[in-house]
Amino acid sequence: MDESSLTPVPLAPELSLQLLRDMVRIRRFEEACADLYGQGKIRGFLHLYVGEEAVAAGVLHALAADDAIVATYREHGHALVRGMPAGVIMAEMFGKREGCCRGRGGSMHLFDAGTRFYGGNAIVGGGLPLAVGLALADKMQGRSRVSACFFGEGAAAEGAFHESLNLAALWRLPVLFCCENNRYAMGTALERAHAETDMAHKAAAYRIGAERVDGMDVVAVYEAATNAAAAVRAGSGPRFLELLTYRYRAHSMFDPDLYRDKAEIERWKQRGPIHNLSNRLKAQQQLTEEAFLALDAQALSEVAQAVTFAERGTLEPVADLLKDTYTEPVA
């Protein structure tokens, strides 16, 4: 896509504004997490989604409420858009009992069965076989559902990637594979780790319909995901989307980010998904700067309330630390 293009947004105004709103919510939430990590209120590993917001917003709005979501350890944005309350997510990262997993999972293991959000997974590629299993269950039960699985391009080097795509193709399972290709996995450039750098070609090797999508354009993501999900739901087997995106921050808060040129980061920021959409909506007079600032203020307020909720939360009693770890033997 031409970086200076202000092509019209071919979506209903309400949907366009919701996509923009969710991307801003993700951005503000992640920026707050970075600050809270610096204060020592969030501990452990923390992987931020700044720059990649169009992928989560675009794909998740193309799915139905009873579809399943399997994500990676960079999943705060997916959980937010899926409908998990910001306060519950933040409390989980604070290690509080009010979190979605009572504070036991933390940043990398968000889970909520009520929204069919099946994690957060700290293992690279670990969510792929889980999505295949969910899809197999749906097919065996005759349910018209899609299991959407998010993973990075680094996962394509794992055996689970190939095993999962192979079984999904063989059994024509209703899986939507969403590869968030941010080019660096942890800290190694894609072309230095993969002989074939086109992830869609890898999927095509398993006879899975695959498409490369501009992951910085939420409209392109939404349209591609809508079409792919419809094909999966219709029973034509799995689909694969390679979503070309970029993270502005380091891989994690422990990463000194010495493996890429700062000018490259700035070039990608010029194609930022939030400004991409907001500028296009302004050009077609569906958004004003005042309305955008109001939308941003709402996101900041939501995040502030989430932080307050997390700070007022309670820690799990020491006596409960082994709860759910072992089961009592059956008499």
Protein backbone atom coordinates (compact mmCIF):
# COMPACT_ATOMS: atom_id res chain seq x y z
CA MET A 1 0.00 0.00 0.00
CA ASP A 2 1.21 3.54 -0.82
CA GLU A 3 2.30 5.00 2.50
CA SER A 4 0.86 8.43 1.60
CA SER A 5 -2.42 7.05 0.32
CA LEU A 6 -5.69 8.26 1.83
CA THR A 7 -7.86 5.69 0.13
CA PRO A 8 -11.50 5.64 1.30
CA VAL A 9 -12.45 3.22 4.06
CA PRO A 10 -15.09 0.86 2.57
CA LEU A 11 -16.65 -0.01 5.92
CA ALA A 12 -19.67 1.23 7.83
CA PRO A 13 -18.73 4.32 9.87
CA GLU A 14 -19.66 2.60 13.13
CA LEU A 15 -17.34 -0.32 12.42
CA SER A 16 -14.52 1.96 11.29
CA LEU A 17 -14.71 3.94 14.52
CA GLN A 18 -14.84 0.75 16.60
CA LEU A 19 -11.70 -0.54 14.91
CA LEU A 20 -9.98 2.77 15.61
CA ARG A 21 -11.23 2.83 19.18
CA ASP A 22 -9.91 -0.66 19.88
CA MET A 23 -6.50 0.10 18.41
CA VAL A 24 -6.22 3.19 20.61
CA ARG A 25 -7.33 1.16 23.64
CA ILE A 26 -4.59 -1.38 22.98
CA ARG A 27 -1.96 1.33 22.49
CA ARG A 28 -2.82 3.15 25.71
CA PHE A 29 -3.05 -0.08 27.68
CA GLU A 30 0.36 -1.23 26.50
CA GLU A 31 1.99 2.13 27.16
CA ALA A 32 0.63 2.02 30.70
CA CYS A 33 2.00 -1.50 31.15
CA ALA A 34 5.48 -0.33 30.15
CA ASP A 35 5.31 2.46 32.74
CA LEU A 36 3.98 0.14 35.46
CA TYR A 37 6.73 -2.36 34.71
CA GLY A 38 9.29 0.38 35.29
CA GLN A 39 7.64 1.06 38.65
CA GLY A 40 7.93 -2.60 39.62
CA LYS A 41 4.16 -3.10 39.79
CA ILE A 42 4.20 -5.59 36.93
CA ARG A 43 6.91 -8.21 37.16
CA GLY A 44 8.21 -11.16 35.20
CA PHE A 45 8.23 -11.14 31.42
CA LEU A 46 6.27 -8.49 29.54
CA HIS A 47 5.82 -8.45 25.76
CA LEU A 48 4.10 -5.37 24.31
CA TYR A 49 1.96 -5.06 21.18
CA VAL A 50 2.71 -1.44 20.28
CA GLY A 51 2.62 -1.13 16.48
CA GLU A 52 0.75 -4.37 15.85
CA GLU A 53 -2.70 -3.19 16.94
CA ALA A 54 -4.30 -3.56 13.51
CA VAL A 55 -3.87 -7.33 13.56
CA ALA A 56 -5.79 -8.02 16.76
CA ALA A 57 -8.48 -5.43 16.04
CA GLY A 58 -8.99 -6.44 12.42
CA VAL A 59 -9.08 -10.21 12.92
CA LEU A 60 -11.13 -10.31 16.10
CA HIS A 61 -13.86 -8.07 14.70
CA ALA A 62 -14.17 -10.50 11.80
CA LEU A 63 -14.97 -13.40 14.15
CA ALA A 64 -18.11 -14.49 15.99
CA ALA A 65 -18.60 -14.55 19.75
CA ASP A 66 -18.55 -18.35 19.90
CA ASP A 67 -15.36 -18.72 17.86
CA ALA A 68 -12.26 -19.73 19.81
CA ILE A 69 -9.14 -17.58 20.17
CA VAL A 70 -5.67 -18.96 20.89
CA ALA A 71 -2.95 -16.35 21.27
CA THR A 72 0.73 -15.96 22.13
CA TYR A 73 2.51 -14.35 25.07
CA ARG A 74 1.96 -10.96 23.34
CA GLU A 75 -1.79 -11.17 23.86
CA HIS A 76 -3.03 -8.25 25.97
CA GLY A 77 -4.52 -6.54 22.91
CA HIS A 78 -6.32 -9.66 21.77
CA ALA A 79 -7.85 -10.12 25.22
CA LEU A 80 -9.02 -6.49 25.33
CA VAL A 81 -10.70 -6.61 21.93
CA ARG A 82 -12.23 -9.99 22.70
CA GLY A 83 -14.11 -8.44 25.60
CA MET A 84 -12.08 -9.21 28.72
CA PRO A 85 -12.36 -6.21 31.09
CA ALA A 86 -9.23 -4.08 31.20
CA GLY A 87 -9.26 -4.16 35.00
CA VAL A 88 -9.30 -7.96 35.09
CA ILE A 89 -6.37 -8.10 32.64
CA MET A 90 -4.40 -5.54 34.61
CA ALA A 91 -5.11 -7.29 37.91
CA GLU A 92 -3.76 -10.51 36.44
CA MET A 93 -0.53 -8.79 35.50
CA PHE A 94 -0.31 -7.33 39.01
CA GLY A 95 -0.59 -10.88 40.37
CA LYS A 96 -3.89 -10.15 42.11
CA ARG A 97 -6.73 -12.56 42.84
CA GLU A 98 -9.13 -10.36 40.87
CA GLY A 99 -7.24 -11.23 37.68
CA CYS A 100 -8.61 -13.64 35.09
CA CYS A 101 -6.43 -16.45 36.48
CA ARG A 102 -6.36 -15.23 40.09
CA GLY A 103 -2.96 -13.68 39.45
CA ARG A 104 -1.28 -17.01 38.74
CA GLY A 105 -0.78 -16.61 35.00
CA GLY A 106 0.47 -13.08 34.66
CA SER A 107 1.14 -11.27 31.40
CA MET A 108 1.78 -14.33 29.25
CA HIS A 109 -1.11 -16.54 30.36
CA LEU A 110 -4.35 -14.59 30.11
CA PHE A 111 -7.30 -16.98 29.86
CA ASP A 112 -11.07 -16.55 29.92
CA ALA A 113 -13.38 -19.42 29.06
CA GLY A 114 -16.38 -17.07 29.10
CA THR A 115 -15.15 -15.24 26.00
CA ARG A 116 -13.62 -18.43 24.55
CA PHE A 117 -10.18 -16.88 24.90
CA TYR A 118 -7.91 -19.89 25.39
CA GLY A 119 -4.66 -18.13 26.24
CA GLY A 120 -1.82 -16.71 26.22
CA ASN A 121 0.91 -19.30 25.75
CA ALA A 122 4.53 -18.80 26.76
CA ILE A 123 5.81 -21.56 24.46
CA VAL A 124 6.63 -20.47 20.91
CA GLY A 125 4.21 -22.34 18.67
CA GLY A 126 2.51 -23.89 21.69
CA GLY A 127 -0.92 -22.59 20.76
CA LEU A 128 -1.00 -24.16 17.30
CA PRO A 129 -1.86 -27.73 18.36
CA LEU A 130 -4.36 -26.37 20.89
CA ALA A 131 -6.24 -24.59 18.12
CA VAL A 132 -6.20 -27.74 16.02
CA GLY A 133 -7.65 -29.67 18.95
CA LEU A 134 -10.40 -27.12 19.51
CA ALA A 135 -11.24 -27.20 15.81
CA LEU A 136 -11.29 -31.00 15.77
CA ALA A 137 -13.76 -31.01 18.68
CA ASP A 138 -16.01 -28.54 16.84
CA LYS A 139 -15.93 -30.60 13.67
CA MET A 140 -16.70 -33.84 15.50
CA GLN A 141 -19.62 -32.15 17.29
CA GLY A 142 -20.91 -30.57 14.08
CA ARG A 143 -20.56 -26.99 15.37
CA SER A 144 -20.14 -24.11 12.95
CA ARG A 145 -17.21 -22.44 14.66
CA VAL A 146 -13.79 -21.10 13.78
CA SER A 147 -10.70 -21.53 15.92
CA ALA A 148 -8.39 -18.58 15.29
CA CYS A 149 -4.77 -19.14 16.21
CA PHE A 150 -2.27 -16.27 16.48
CA PHE A 151 1.48 -16.89 16.35
CA GLY A 152 4.64 -15.17 15.20
CA GLU A 153 6.78 -16.01 12.20
CA GLY A 154 9.34 -17.48 14.61
CA ALA A 155 6.88 -20.28 15.33
CA ALA A 156 7.18 -21.41 11.71
CA ALA A 157 10.57 -22.87 12.65
CA GLU A 158 8.96 -25.14 15.23
CA GLY A 159 7.84 -28.68 14.56
CA ALA A 160 4.42 -27.95 16.04
CA PHE A 161 3.79 -25.46 13.23
CA HIS A 162 4.23 -28.08 10.51
CA GLU A 163 2.43 -30.82 12.42
CA SER A 164 -0.53 -28.55 13.11
CA LEU A 165 -0.89 -27.28 9.55
CA ASN A 166 -0.55 -30.81 8.20
CA LEU A 167 -3.29 -32.25 10.42
CA ALA A 168 -5.59 -29.27 9.88
CA ALA A 169 -5.25 -29.71 6.12
CA LEU A 170 -5.62 -33.50 6.18
CA TRP A 171 -8.75 -33.38 8.32
CA ARG A 172 -10.12 -30.14 6.80
CA LEU A 173 -10.44 -28.56 10.23
CA PRO A 174 -12.01 -25.14 10.81
CA VAL A 175 -8.82 -23.29 11.82
CA LEU A 176 -7.85 -19.76 10.87
CA PHE A 177 -4.07 -19.54 11.18
CA CYS A 178 -2.96 -15.93 11.78
CA CYS A 179 0.78 -15.43 11.45
CA GLU A 180 1.82 -12.10 12.99
CA ASN A 181 5.00 -11.59 10.99
CA ASN A 182 6.88 -8.79 12.76
CA ARG A 183 10.15 -9.75 11.05
CA TYR A 184 12.39 -10.42 14.05
CA ALA A 185 10.94 -13.26 16.15
CA MET A 186 12.94 -12.54 19.32
CA GLY A 187 16.04 -10.81 17.97
CA THR A 188 16.97 -12.52 14.71
CA ALA A 189 15.95 -11.06 11.37
CA LEU A 190 13.60 -13.28 9.39
CA GLU A 191 15.96 -13.78 6.46
CA ARG A 192 18.70 -15.02 8.80
CA ALA A 193 16.51 -17.75 10.27
CA HIS A 194 14.28 -18.94 7.41
CA ALA A 195 15.34 -20.13 3.96
CA GLU A 196 11.78 -19.35 2.79
CA THR A 197 10.72 -15.97 4.19
CA ASP A 198 7.21 -16.03 2.70
CA MET A 199 5.10 -17.64 5.42
CA ALA A 200 2.11 -17.92 3.08
CA HIS A 201 4.22 -20.14 0.81
CA LYS A 202 4.89 -22.43 3.76
CA ALA A 203 1.16 -22.80 4.33
CA ALA A 204 0.53 -23.39 0.63
CA ALA A 205 2.89 -26.36 0.83
CA TYR A 206 0.18 -28.02 2.93
CA ARG A 207 -2.48 -27.07 0.35
CA ILE A 208 -3.96 -24.48 2.68
CA GLY A 209 -5.43 -21.35 1.13
CA ALA A 210 -3.05 -18.58 2.19
CA GLU A 211 -2.79 -14.84 1.75
CA ARG A 212 -0.28 -12.12 2.58
CA VAL A 213 -1.89 -9.04 4.15
CA ASP A 214 -0.68 -5.57 5.10
CA GLY A 215 -0.83 -5.95 8.86
CA MET A 216 -0.44 -2.20 9.40
CA ASP A 217 -3.78 -1.54 7.66
CA VAL A 218 -6.67 -2.58 9.89
CA VAL A 219 -9.13 -2.36 6.99
CA ALA A 220 -7.09 -4.80 4.91
CA VAL A 221 -6.78 -7.11 7.91
CA TYR A 222 -10.50 -7.00 8.65
CA GLU A 223 -11.49 -7.70 5.04
CA ALA A 224 -9.01 -10.58 4.65
CA ALA A 225 -10.02 -12.11 7.98
CA THR A 226 -13.73 -11.79 7.17
CA ASN A 227 -13.30 -13.63 3.89
CA ALA A 228 -11.03 -16.29 5.37
CA ALA A 229 -13.30 -16.93 8.36
CA ALA A 230 -16.32 -17.26 6.08
CA ALA A 231 -14.49 -19.86 3.99
CA VAL A 232 -13.46 -21.79 7.10
CA ARG A 233 -16.97 -21.66 8.53
CA ALA A 234 -18.40 -22.92 5.25
CA GLY A 235 -16.45 -26.14 5.66
CA SER A 236 -13.69 -25.62 3.08
CA GLY A 237 -10.92 -26.39 5.56
CA PRO A 238 -8.31 -24.17 7.19
CA ARG A 239 -7.08 -20.80 5.97
CA PHE A 240 -3.80 -19.00 6.60
CA LEU A 241 -3.17 -15.25 6.85
CA GLU A 242 0.35 -13.85 6.93
CA LEU A 243 -0.08 -10.44 8.53
CA LEU A 244 2.94 -8.26 7.82
CA THR A 245 3.37 -6.06 10.86
CA TYR A 246 6.05 -4.52 13.08
CA ARG A 247 6.57 -4.03 16.79
CA TYR A 248 7.90 -0.62 17.74
CA ARG A 249 9.26 -1.79 21.08
CA ALA A 250 11.76 -4.49 21.89
CA HIS A 251 10.78 -8.15 21.99
CA SER A 252 10.28 -7.92 25.76
CA MET A 253 11.15 -5.55 28.57
CA PHE A 254 14.40 -7.52 29.06
CA ASP A 255 15.50 -6.99 25.46
CA PRO A 256 18.10 -4.21 24.84
CA ASP A 257 16.96 -4.12 21.17
CA LEU A 258 20.44 -3.87 19.64
CA TYR A 259 19.74 -5.95 16.53
CA ARG A 260 17.89 -3.44 14.36
CA ASP A 261 18.53 0.06 13.12
CA LYS A 262 16.59 2.85 14.82
CA ALA A 263 15.90 4.46 11.45
CA GLU A 264 14.07 1.28 10.43
CA ILE A 265 11.77 1.60 13.42
CA GLU A 266 11.02 5.21 12.53
CA ARG A 267 10.19 4.24 8.94
CA TRP A 268 7.65 1.71 10.16
CA LYS A 269 6.15 4.25 12.55
CA GLN A 270 5.30 6.39 9.52
CA ARG A 271 2.91 3.58 8.54
CA GLY A 272 1.41 3.29 12.01
CA PRO A 273 -2.02 1.59 12.02
CA ILE A 274 -3.75 4.17 14.21
CA HIS A 275 -2.77 7.17 12.10
CA ASN A 276 -3.33 5.12 8.93
CA LEU A 277 -7.01 4.73 9.77
CA SER A 278 -7.63 8.05 11.52
CA ASN A 279 -6.16 10.04 8.63
CA ARG A 280 -8.30 8.18 6.10
CA LEU A 281 -11.45 8.74 8.15
CA LYS A 282 -10.63 12.44 8.48
CA ALA A 283 -10.09 12.70 4.73
CA GLN A 284 -13.61 11.37 4.07
CA GLN A 285 -15.08 13.53 6.85
CA GLN A 286 -16.05 10.65 9.12
CA LEU A 287 -13.76 11.80 11.93
CA THR A 288 -12.61 15.12 13.35
CA GLU A 289 -9.51 15.80 15.42
CA GLU A 290 -11.77 16.66 18.36
CA ALA A 291 -13.55 13.33 18.05
CA PHE A 292 -10.23 11.49 17.89
CA LEU A 293 -9.00 13.26 21.02
CA ALA A 294 -12.24 12.35 22.80
CA LEU A 295 -11.79 8.73 21.78
CA ASP A 296 -8.22 8.83 23.10
CA ALA A 297 -9.40 10.36 26.36
CA GLN A 298 -11.89 7.51 26.80
CA ALA A 299 -9.09 4.98 26.33
CA LEU A 300 -6.89 6.77 28.87
CA SER A 301 -9.76 6.81 31.36
CA GLU A 302 -10.42 3.09 30.86
CA VAL A 303 -6.76 2.29 31.48
CA ALA A 304 -6.61 4.54 34.56
CA GLN A 305 -9.63 2.76 36.02
CA ALA A 306 -8.01 -0.60 35.24
CA VAL A 307 -4.85 0.39 37.11
CA THR A 308 -6.89 1.56 40.09
CA PHE A 309 -8.80 -1.73 40.10
CA ALA A 310 -5.56 -3.71 40.01
CA GLU A 311 -3.90 -1.67 42.73
CA ARG A 312 -6.89 -2.17 45.02
CA GLY A 313 -6.88 -5.91 44.38
CA THR A 314 -5.78 -8.55 46.85
CA LEU A 315 -2.94 -11.02 46.81
CA GLU A 316 -3.66 -14.73 47.10
CA PRO A 317 -3.10 -16.03 50.64
CA VAL A 318 0.02 -18.10 51.11
CA ALA A 319 -2.18 -20.96 52.33
CA ASP A 320 -3.76 -21.14 48.85
CA LEU A 321 -0.55 -21.34 46.84
CA LEU A 322 -0.80 -25.10 46.31
CA LYS A 323 -4.52 -24.95 45.52
CA ASP A 324 -5.30 -26.63 42.18
CA THR A 325 -1.73 -27.93 41.95
CA TYR A 326 -2.54 -31.40 43.22
CA THR A 327 -5.78 -33.34 43.42
CA GLU A 328 -6.82 -35.49 46.32
CA PRO A 329 -6.77 -39.22 45.53
CA VAL A 330 -10.16 -40.73 44.79
CA ALA A 331 -11.25 -43.13 47.51
